Amino acid sequence: MNLKITLKSQLKALIELIIISIIYFGLMYFLYVNTEFDLFKILFWSTFSFYFLIVVLPVAILHLNYLNNNCFKEIVIDKNRLIVNAIEYSSEDINEINVFATKQHFDDSTGAYSLAYNDYYYHIEICLKNNEKISLSSLLDYKLDKILKENFNSVKITENAGGLFSLLIKGKTE
């Protein structure tokens, strides 16, 4: 399976943010039309800061972090074989695969109580036996973790549930 970050894969990751934004700005427009301007200003600025800090900023940070660390990679995943930028690795070269995601991603539970990044943003760290690490993000494919599980049955795969900061790819790798 060939994987690459595309516009479609990025839009899929951003879909919850897009939906929340449409609802938020639609509601703000409704309030703008139906309330006094002074009241609207108070409502807008008090809710916009919450919307920006809780909804937009975490998604923007994760998205840019994943683009910065994965943008030019050509990935091919086959049964017990991984090719990253024309370098081939077999399951014998891989020591462990770590998946860093939120609990909601592992439980397949989303909805009104989850944040915009909870399900779609995660990254995978492939630890090689020569102590190198390869980081792949969910911008390559939303089901990247499941694709790796299917193709690397003999490799230990560890699920690491955490919050926003555990989802960041730390430092440039492979």
N, C-alpha and C. Protein backbone atom coordinates (compact mmCIF):
# COMPACT_ATOMS: atom_id res chain seq x y z
N MET A 1 0.84 -1.17 0.00
CA MET A 1 0.00 0.00 0.00
C MET A 1 0.89 1.25 0.00
N ASN A 2 0.70 2.12 -0.97
CA ASN A 2 1.44 3.37 -1.05
C ASN A 2 0.72 4.45 -0.25
N LEU A 3 1.49 5.17 0.56
CA LEU A 3 0.91 6.22 1.39
C LEU A 3 1.68 7.51 1.20
N LYS A 4 0.95 8.60 1.14
CA LYS A 4 1.56 9.91 1.02
C LYS A 4 0.56 10.93 1.57
N ILE A 5 1.08 12.00 2.15
CA ILE A 5 0.19 13.04 2.64
C ILE A 5 -0.40 13.77 1.44
N THR A 6 -1.73 13.79 1.39
CA THR A 6 -2.44 14.44 0.29
C THR A 6 -3.43 15.45 0.86
N LEU A 7 -4.00 16.24 -0.01
CA LEU A 7 -5.04 17.18 0.40
C LEU A 7 -6.21 16.43 1.02
N LYS A 8 -6.58 15.30 0.41
CA LYS A 8 -7.71 14.51 0.91
C LYS A 8 -7.44 13.99 2.32
N SER A 9 -6.23 13.48 2.57
CA SER A 9 -5.92 12.97 3.91
C SER A 9 -5.88 14.09 4.93
N GLN A 10 -5.44 15.28 4.52
CA GLN A 10 -5.43 16.42 5.43
C GLN A 10 -6.84 16.90 5.74
N LEU A 11 -7.70 16.95 4.74
CA LEU A 11 -9.09 17.37 4.96
C LEU A 11 -9.82 16.39 5.87
N LYS A 12 -9.51 15.10 5.72
CA LYS A 12 -10.13 14.10 6.59
C LYS A 12 -9.73 14.35 8.04
N ALA A 13 -8.46 14.71 8.26
CA ALA A 13 -8.00 15.00 9.62
C ALA A 13 -8.64 16.28 10.16
N LEU A 14 -8.92 17.22 9.29
CA LEU A 14 -9.47 18.52 9.70
C LEU A 14 -11.00 18.57 9.72
N ILE A 15 -11.68 17.48 9.38
CA ILE A 15 -13.13 17.52 9.21
C ILE A 15 -13.87 17.94 10.48
N GLU A 16 -13.44 17.46 11.63
CA GLU A 16 -14.12 17.85 12.87
C GLU A 16 -13.94 19.34 13.14
N LEU A 17 -12.74 19.86 12.90
CA LEU A 17 -12.50 21.29 13.08
C LEU A 17 -13.37 22.10 12.11
N ILE A 18 -13.49 21.65 10.89
CA ILE A 18 -14.30 22.35 9.90
C ILE A 18 -15.77 22.37 10.32
N ILE A 19 -16.28 21.25 10.79
CA ILE A 19 -17.69 21.18 11.22
C ILE A 19 -17.93 22.07 12.43
N ILE A 20 -17.04 21.99 13.42
CA ILE A 20 -17.18 22.84 14.61
C ILE A 20 -17.12 24.31 14.23
N SER A 21 -16.23 24.67 13.30
CA SER A 21 -16.10 26.06 12.88
C SER A 21 -17.34 26.56 12.16
N ILE A 22 -17.91 25.74 11.30
CA ILE A 22 -19.14 26.12 10.59
C ILE A 22 -20.26 26.37 11.60
N ILE A 23 -20.40 25.47 12.57
CA ILE A 23 -21.45 25.64 13.58
C ILE A 23 -21.19 26.90 14.41
N TYR A 24 -19.95 27.08 14.84
CA TYR A 24 -19.61 28.24 15.69
C TYR A 24 -19.87 29.55 14.95
N PHE A 25 -19.33 29.68 13.73
CA PHE A 25 -19.49 30.95 13.01
C PHE A 25 -20.93 31.15 12.52
N GLY A 26 -21.65 30.06 12.27
CA GLY A 26 -23.08 30.17 11.95
C GLY A 26 -23.86 30.72 13.14
N LEU A 27 -23.54 30.20 14.32
CA LEU A 27 -24.18 30.71 15.53
C LEU A 27 -23.81 32.17 15.79
N MET A 28 -22.57 32.51 15.56
CA MET A 28 -22.14 33.90 15.75
C MET A 28 -22.84 34.83 14.76
N TYR A 29 -23.03 34.39 13.53
CA TYR A 29 -23.75 35.20 12.54
C TYR A 29 -25.20 35.38 12.98
N PHE A 30 -25.82 34.30 13.46
CA PHE A 30 -27.19 34.38 13.95
C PHE A 30 -27.30 35.40 15.09
N LEU A 31 -26.35 35.36 16.03
CA LEU A 31 -26.36 36.32 17.13
C LEU A 31 -26.11 37.74 16.63
N TYR A 32 -25.24 37.89 15.65
CA TYR A 32 -24.94 39.21 15.08
C TYR A 32 -26.21 39.83 14.49
N VAL A 33 -26.98 39.02 13.78
CA VAL A 33 -28.20 39.51 13.13
C VAL A 33 -29.31 39.80 14.14
N ASN A 34 -29.38 39.02 15.23
CA ASN A 34 -30.52 39.10 16.14
C ASN A 34 -30.26 39.77 17.49
N THR A 35 -29.08 40.29 17.73
CA THR A 35 -28.82 40.95 19.01
C THR A 35 -28.23 42.33 18.77
N GLU A 36 -28.17 43.09 19.85
CA GLU A 36 -27.53 44.39 19.77
C GLU A 36 -26.03 44.21 19.56
N PHE A 37 -25.42 45.18 18.89
CA PHE A 37 -24.01 45.04 18.54
C PHE A 37 -23.12 44.95 19.77
N ASP A 38 -23.39 45.72 20.81
CA ASP A 38 -22.57 45.66 22.02
C ASP A 38 -22.65 44.29 22.69
N LEU A 39 -23.83 43.72 22.76
CA LEU A 39 -23.99 42.39 23.33
C LEU A 39 -23.28 41.36 22.45
N PHE A 40 -23.39 41.52 21.14
CA PHE A 40 -22.72 40.60 20.23
C PHE A 40 -21.20 40.62 20.44
N LYS A 41 -20.63 41.82 20.57
CA LYS A 41 -19.17 41.93 20.78
C LYS A 41 -18.75 41.18 22.04
N ILE A 42 -19.50 41.32 23.10
CA ILE A 42 -19.17 40.64 24.35
C ILE A 42 -19.25 39.12 24.16
N LEU A 43 -20.35 38.66 23.55
CA LEU A 43 -20.51 37.22 23.31
C LEU A 43 -19.43 36.67 22.38
N PHE A 44 -19.14 37.42 21.33
CA PHE A 44 -18.15 36.94 20.36
C PHE A 44 -16.77 36.81 20.99
N TRP A 45 -16.29 37.85 21.63
CA TRP A 45 -14.92 37.81 22.17
C TRP A 45 -14.79 36.85 23.33
N SER A 46 -15.84 36.69 24.12
CA SER A 46 -15.75 35.74 25.24
C SER A 46 -15.75 34.30 24.73
N THR A 47 -16.49 34.00 23.69
CA THR A 47 -16.51 32.63 23.17
C THR A 47 -15.39 32.37 22.18
N PHE A 48 -14.94 33.39 21.47
CA PHE A 48 -13.89 33.17 20.48
C PHE A 48 -12.58 32.76 21.14
N SER A 49 -12.24 33.35 22.26
CA SER A 49 -11.00 32.97 22.94
C SER A 49 -11.05 31.51 23.36
N PHE A 50 -12.19 31.06 23.88
CA PHE A 50 -12.36 29.65 24.23
C PHE A 50 -12.25 28.76 22.99
N TYR A 51 -12.96 29.13 21.94
CA TYR A 51 -12.95 28.38 20.68
C TYR A 51 -11.53 28.28 20.12
N PHE A 52 -10.81 29.38 20.14
CA PHE A 52 -9.46 29.39 19.58
C PHE A 52 -8.51 28.54 20.41
N LEU A 53 -8.51 28.71 21.73
CA LEU A 53 -7.57 27.99 22.59
C LEU A 53 -7.87 26.50 22.72
N ILE A 54 -9.13 26.14 22.76
CA ILE A 54 -9.50 24.74 22.99
C ILE A 54 -9.69 23.95 21.69
N VAL A 55 -10.15 24.61 20.64
CA VAL A 55 -10.47 23.89 19.41
C VAL A 55 -9.41 24.10 18.33
N VAL A 56 -9.13 25.34 17.97
CA VAL A 56 -8.28 25.62 16.81
C VAL A 56 -6.79 25.41 17.10
N LEU A 57 -6.29 25.98 18.17
CA LEU A 57 -4.85 25.95 18.45
C LEU A 57 -4.28 24.53 18.57
N PRO A 58 -4.89 23.61 19.33
CA PRO A 58 -4.32 22.26 19.38
C PRO A 58 -4.27 21.57 18.01
N VAL A 59 -5.32 21.73 17.22
CA VAL A 59 -5.35 21.12 15.89
C VAL A 59 -4.27 21.73 15.00
N ALA A 60 -4.13 23.05 15.05
CA ALA A 60 -3.11 23.72 14.23
C ALA A 60 -1.71 23.28 14.63
N ILE A 61 -1.44 23.18 15.92
CA ILE A 61 -0.12 22.75 16.40
C ILE A 61 0.18 21.33 15.93
N LEU A 62 -0.76 20.41 16.13
CA LEU A 62 -0.54 19.01 15.70
C LEU A 62 -0.40 18.90 14.20
N HIS A 63 -1.26 19.58 13.46
CA HIS A 63 -1.23 19.48 12.00
C HIS A 63 0.11 19.98 11.46
N LEU A 64 0.55 21.13 11.91
CA LEU A 64 1.83 21.67 11.45
C LEU A 64 3.00 20.79 11.89
N ASN A 65 2.94 20.25 13.10
CA ASN A 65 3.98 19.35 13.57
C ASN A 65 4.06 18.10 12.69
N TYR A 66 2.93 17.53 12.33
CA TYR A 66 2.92 16.34 11.49
C TYR A 66 3.38 16.65 10.07
N LEU A 67 2.96 17.79 9.53
CA LEU A 67 3.43 18.17 8.19
C LEU A 67 4.93 18.39 8.18
N ASN A 68 5.44 19.04 9.21
CA ASN A 68 6.87 19.33 9.30
C ASN A 68 7.70 18.05 9.39
N ASN A 69 7.18 17.02 10.02
CA ASN A 69 7.94 15.79 10.23
C ASN A 69 7.65 14.70 9.21
N ASN A 70 6.67 14.86 8.33
CA ASN A 70 6.30 13.80 7.39
C ASN A 70 6.11 14.26 5.96
N CYS A 71 6.28 15.50 5.65
CA CYS A 71 5.81 16.07 4.40
C CYS A 71 6.34 15.39 3.13
N PHE A 72 7.59 15.03 3.10
CA PHE A 72 8.17 14.55 1.84
C PHE A 72 8.40 13.05 1.81
N LYS A 73 7.77 12.32 2.69
CA LYS A 73 7.99 10.88 2.75
C LYS A 73 7.12 10.12 1.77
N GLU A 74 7.74 9.19 1.11
CA GLU A 74 7.03 8.21 0.29
C GLU A 74 7.04 6.92 1.10
N ILE A 75 5.88 6.42 1.44
CA ILE A 75 5.78 5.25 2.29
C ILE A 75 5.09 4.13 1.52
N VAL A 76 5.68 2.93 1.60
CA VAL A 76 5.05 1.74 1.04
C VAL A 76 5.02 0.70 2.16
N ILE A 77 3.83 0.18 2.42
CA ILE A 77 3.67 -0.85 3.45
C ILE A 77 3.08 -2.09 2.79
N ASP A 78 3.82 -3.18 2.92
CA ASP A 78 3.37 -4.49 2.45
C ASP A 78 3.53 -5.47 3.60
N LYS A 79 3.17 -6.70 3.38
CA LYS A 79 3.29 -7.72 4.41
C LYS A 79 4.74 -7.83 4.86
N ASN A 80 5.00 -7.52 6.13
CA ASN A 80 6.33 -7.59 6.75
C ASN A 80 7.39 -6.77 6.04
N ARG A 81 6.98 -5.70 5.35
CA ARG A 81 7.93 -4.86 4.61
C ARG A 81 7.47 -3.41 4.66
N LEU A 82 8.43 -2.53 4.94
CA LEU A 82 8.17 -1.10 5.01
C LEU A 82 9.24 -0.40 4.18
N ILE A 83 8.82 0.47 3.27
CA ILE A 83 9.76 1.25 2.46
C ILE A 83 9.51 2.72 2.76
N VAL A 84 10.55 3.40 3.23
CA VAL A 84 10.48 4.83 3.55
C VAL A 84 11.56 5.54 2.74
N ASN A 85 11.14 6.41 1.83
CA ASN A 85 12.08 7.15 0.98
C ASN A 85 13.08 6.21 0.30
N ALA A 86 12.60 5.14 -0.28
CA ALA A 86 13.38 4.17 -1.05
C ALA A 86 14.30 3.30 -0.19
N ILE A 87 14.20 3.37 1.12
CA ILE A 87 14.96 2.49 2.00
C ILE A 87 14.00 1.42 2.52
N GLU A 88 14.36 0.17 2.32
CA GLU A 88 13.47 -0.92 2.67
C GLU A 88 13.83 -1.51 4.03
N TYR A 89 12.78 -1.76 4.83
CA TYR A 89 12.93 -2.38 6.14
C TYR A 89 12.00 -3.59 6.18
N SER A 90 12.48 -4.68 6.76
CA SER A 90 11.63 -5.86 6.94
C SER A 90 11.23 -5.95 8.40
N SER A 91 10.36 -6.88 8.72
CA SER A 91 9.93 -7.03 10.11
C SER A 91 11.10 -7.43 11.01
N GLU A 92 12.12 -8.08 10.45
CA GLU A 92 13.31 -8.44 11.22
C GLU A 92 14.14 -7.21 11.62
N ASP A 93 14.00 -6.11 10.88
CA ASP A 93 14.73 -4.87 11.19
C ASP A 93 14.04 -4.04 12.27
N ILE A 94 12.78 -4.38 12.55
CA ILE A 94 11.98 -3.56 13.46
C ILE A 94 11.93 -4.21 14.84
N ASN A 95 12.28 -3.42 15.85
CA ASN A 95 12.27 -3.89 17.23
C ASN A 95 10.87 -3.76 17.84
N GLU A 96 10.26 -2.60 17.62
CA GLU A 96 8.96 -2.32 18.23
C GLU A 96 8.27 -1.19 17.47
N ILE A 97 6.94 -1.18 17.52
CA ILE A 97 6.16 -0.09 16.94
C ILE A 97 5.33 0.52 18.07
N ASN A 98 5.51 1.83 18.29
CA ASN A 98 4.76 2.55 19.33
C ASN A 98 3.73 3.45 18.67
N VAL A 99 2.49 3.34 19.11
CA VAL A 99 1.41 4.20 18.61
C VAL A 99 1.07 5.18 19.72
N PHE A 100 1.18 6.48 19.42
CA PHE A 100 0.86 7.54 20.38
C PHE A 100 -0.45 8.20 19.95
N ALA A 101 -1.50 7.99 20.74
CA ALA A 101 -2.82 8.51 20.40
C ALA A 101 -3.59 8.78 21.68
N THR A 102 -4.77 9.34 21.52
CA THR A 102 -5.63 9.55 22.68
C THR A 102 -6.41 8.28 22.97
N LYS A 103 -6.95 8.19 24.16
CA LYS A 103 -7.76 7.03 24.53
C LYS A 103 -8.97 6.90 23.61
N GLN A 104 -9.53 8.03 23.19
CA GLN A 104 -10.70 7.98 22.29
C GLN A 104 -10.35 7.30 20.96
N HIS A 105 -9.13 7.52 20.47
CA HIS A 105 -8.74 6.88 19.21
C HIS A 105 -8.67 5.36 19.39
N PHE A 106 -8.06 4.91 20.47
CA PHE A 106 -7.94 3.47 20.70
C PHE A 106 -9.29 2.82 20.97
N ASP A 107 -10.20 3.55 21.60
CA ASP A 107 -11.53 3.01 21.92
C ASP A 107 -12.53 3.20 20.78
N ASP A 108 -12.13 3.88 19.71
CA ASP A 108 -13.03 4.22 18.61
C ASP A 108 -14.27 4.95 19.11
N SER A 109 -14.07 5.84 20.10
CA SER A 109 -15.21 6.59 20.62
C SER A 109 -15.00 8.07 20.36
N THR A 110 -15.91 8.64 19.60
CA THR A 110 -15.88 10.07 19.32
C THR A 110 -17.28 10.61 19.54
N GLY A 111 -17.38 11.90 19.45
CA GLY A 111 -18.70 12.51 19.62
C GLY A 111 -18.56 13.89 20.20
N ALA A 112 -19.64 14.38 20.75
CA ALA A 112 -19.68 15.76 21.24
C ALA A 112 -18.75 15.99 22.42
N TYR A 113 -18.38 14.96 23.15
CA TYR A 113 -17.53 15.12 24.32
C TYR A 113 -16.04 15.08 23.99
N SER A 114 -15.67 14.82 22.76
CA SER A 114 -14.25 14.73 22.41
C SER A 114 -13.80 15.98 21.67
N LEU A 115 -12.52 16.28 21.82
CA LEU A 115 -11.95 17.45 21.15
C LEU A 115 -11.67 17.13 19.68
N ALA A 116 -11.44 18.17 18.90
CA ALA A 116 -11.31 18.00 17.45
C ALA A 116 -10.10 17.16 17.04
N TYR A 117 -9.10 17.03 17.90
CA TYR A 117 -7.92 16.26 17.54
C TYR A 117 -7.92 14.84 18.10
N ASN A 118 -8.87 14.50 18.94
CA ASN A 118 -8.81 13.24 19.69
C ASN A 118 -8.74 11.99 18.83
N ASP A 119 -9.48 11.94 17.75
CA ASP A 119 -9.53 10.70 16.98
C ASP A 119 -8.58 10.70 15.79
N TYR A 120 -8.49 11.79 15.08
CA TYR A 120 -7.77 11.79 13.81
C TYR A 120 -6.27 12.04 13.92
N TYR A 121 -5.81 12.60 15.01
CA TYR A 121 -4.39 12.92 15.12
C TYR A 121 -3.68 11.95 16.05
N TYR A 122 -2.73 11.22 15.48
CA TYR A 122 -1.86 10.34 16.25
C TYR A 122 -0.60 10.11 15.42
N HIS A 123 0.44 9.63 16.08
CA HIS A 123 1.64 9.30 15.32
C HIS A 123 2.21 7.97 15.79
N ILE A 124 3.04 7.42 14.92
CA ILE A 124 3.62 6.11 15.16
C ILE A 124 5.13 6.23 15.11
N GLU A 125 5.77 5.63 16.09
CA GLU A 125 7.22 5.62 16.15
C GLU A 125 7.67 4.18 15.94
N ILE A 126 8.40 3.96 14.87
CA ILE A 126 8.91 2.63 14.57
C ILE A 126 10.36 2.58 15.04
N CYS A 127 10.62 1.74 16.03
CA CYS A 127 11.96 1.61 16.61
C CYS A 127 12.68 0.47 15.90
N LEU A 128 13.76 0.80 15.25
CA LEU A 128 14.54 -0.20 14.52
C LEU A 128 15.57 -0.84 15.44
N LYS A 129 16.06 -2.00 15.07
CA LYS A 129 17.05 -2.71 15.89
C LYS A 129 18.41 -2.01 15.90
N ASN A 130 18.66 -1.12 14.93
CA ASN A 130 19.92 -0.37 14.91
C ASN A 130 19.78 0.95 15.69
N ASN A 131 18.74 1.07 16.53
CA ASN A 131 18.45 2.22 17.39
C ASN A 131 17.97 3.47 16.64
N GLU A 132 17.70 3.37 15.36
CA GLU A 132 17.09 4.49 14.63
C GLU A 132 15.58 4.44 14.86
N LYS A 133 14.95 5.58 14.66
CA LYS A 133 13.50 5.66 14.80
C LYS A 133 12.90 6.32 13.57
N ILE A 134 11.77 5.80 13.15
CA ILE A 134 11.02 6.36 12.02
C ILE A 134 9.68 6.82 12.57
N SER A 135 9.35 8.08 12.36
CA SER A 135 8.07 8.62 12.82
C SER A 135 7.14 8.81 11.63
N LEU A 136 5.94 8.27 11.77
CA LEU A 136 4.91 8.41 10.75
C LEU A 136 3.67 9.00 11.41
N SER A 137 2.96 9.85 10.70
CA SER A 137 1.77 10.47 11.29
C SER A 137 0.50 10.00 10.60
N SER A 138 -0.60 10.24 11.27
CA SER A 138 -1.91 9.86 10.74
C SER A 138 -2.32 10.68 9.52
N LEU A 139 -1.55 11.71 9.18
CA LEU A 139 -1.85 12.45 7.95
C LEU A 139 -1.57 11.59 6.72
N LEU A 140 -0.75 10.56 6.86
CA LEU A 140 -0.52 9.63 5.74
C LEU A 140 -1.78 8.84 5.44
N ASP A 141 -2.43 8.36 6.49
CA ASP A 141 -3.70 7.63 6.37
C ASP A 141 -4.32 7.54 7.75
N TYR A 142 -5.60 7.78 7.83
CA TYR A 142 -6.28 7.75 9.12
C TYR A 142 -6.15 6.38 9.79
N LYS A 143 -6.09 5.32 9.01
CA LYS A 143 -6.03 3.96 9.57
C LYS A 143 -4.60 3.41 9.53
N LEU A 144 -3.61 4.28 9.62
CA LEU A 144 -2.22 3.85 9.56
C LEU A 144 -1.89 2.83 10.64
N ASP A 145 -2.38 3.01 11.84
CA ASP A 145 -2.11 2.05 12.91
C ASP A 145 -2.68 0.67 12.58
N LYS A 146 -3.87 0.63 12.03
CA LYS A 146 -4.47 -0.66 11.66
C LYS A 146 -3.73 -1.30 10.48
N ILE A 147 -3.26 -0.49 9.54
CA ILE A 147 -2.49 -1.00 8.40
C ILE A 147 -1.20 -1.65 8.89
N LEU A 148 -0.52 -1.00 9.82
CA LEU A 148 0.72 -1.57 10.36
C LEU A 148 0.45 -2.84 11.17
N LYS A 149 -0.64 -2.86 11.94
CA LYS A 149 -0.99 -4.06 12.72
C LYS A 149 -1.25 -5.25 11.81
N GLU A 150 -1.93 -5.00 10.69
CA GLU A 150 -2.24 -6.08 9.75
C GLU A 150 -0.99 -6.61 9.05
N ASN A 151 -0.04 -5.71 8.78
CA ASN A 151 1.13 -6.11 7.99
C ASN A 151 2.35 -6.51 8.82
N PHE A 152 2.35 -6.21 10.10
CA PHE A 152 3.49 -6.55 10.95
C PHE A 152 3.02 -7.30 12.19
N ASN A 153 2.45 -8.49 11.98
CA ASN A 153 1.91 -9.31 13.07
C ASN A 153 3.00 -9.75 14.04
N SER A 154 4.19 -10.00 13.55
CA SER A 154 5.26 -10.54 14.40
C SER A 154 5.99 -9.47 15.21
N VAL A 155 5.69 -8.20 14.97
CA VAL A 155 6.37 -7.10 15.68
C VAL A 155 5.50 -6.65 16.84
N LYS A 156 6.16 -6.39 17.98
CA LYS A 156 5.44 -5.89 19.15
C LYS A 156 4.92 -4.48 18.87
N ILE A 157 3.62 -4.29 19.06
CA ILE A 157 2.99 -2.97 18.85
C ILE A 157 2.41 -2.52 20.18
N THR A 158 2.87 -1.35 20.65
CA THR A 158 2.45 -0.82 21.93
C THR A 158 1.57 0.41 21.72
N GLU A 159 0.41 0.42 22.35
CA GLU A 159 -0.49 1.57 22.28
C GLU A 159 -0.23 2.47 23.49
N ASN A 160 0.13 3.72 23.24
CA ASN A 160 0.41 4.69 24.29
C ASN A 160 -0.66 5.78 24.26
N ALA A 161 -1.58 5.70 25.22
CA ALA A 161 -2.65 6.71 25.28
C ALA A 161 -2.15 7.91 26.07
N GLY A 162 -2.45 9.09 25.57
CA GLY A 162 -2.03 10.31 26.24
C GLY A 162 -2.81 11.51 25.76
N GLY A 163 -2.35 12.68 26.20
CA GLY A 163 -3.00 13.93 25.84
C GLY A 163 -2.31 14.62 24.69
N LEU A 164 -2.58 15.89 24.55
CA LEU A 164 -2.09 16.69 23.43
C LEU A 164 -0.58 16.62 23.26
N PHE A 165 0.17 16.81 24.33
CA PHE A 165 1.62 16.89 24.20
C PHE A 165 2.27 15.54 23.86
N SER A 166 1.63 14.44 24.23
CA SER A 166 2.17 13.13 23.86
C SER A 166 1.95 12.85 22.38
N LEU A 167 1.06 13.61 21.72
CA LEU A 167 0.79 13.41 20.30
C LEU A 167 1.79 14.11 19.40
N LEU A 168 2.58 15.02 19.96
CA LEU A 168 3.57 15.74 19.16
C LEU A 168 4.74 14.82 18.80
N ILE A 169 5.21 14.96 17.56
CA ILE A 169 6.41 14.24 17.15
C ILE A 169 7.59 15.09 17.62
N LYS A 170 8.41 14.49 18.47
CA LYS A 170 9.54 15.24 19.03
C LYS A 170 10.77 15.07 18.17
N GLY A 171 11.26 16.17 17.62
CA GLY A 171 12.49 16.13 16.82
C GLY A 171 12.32 15.48 15.48
N LYS A 172 13.21 15.82 14.57
CA LYS A 172 13.21 15.28 13.22
C LYS A 172 13.79 13.88 13.25
N THR A 173 13.07 12.91 12.70
CA THR A 173 13.58 11.55 12.59
C THR A 173 13.54 11.15 11.13
N GLU A 174 14.02 9.99 10.85
CA GLU A 174 14.11 9.39 9.50
C GLU A 174 13.38 10.17 8.43
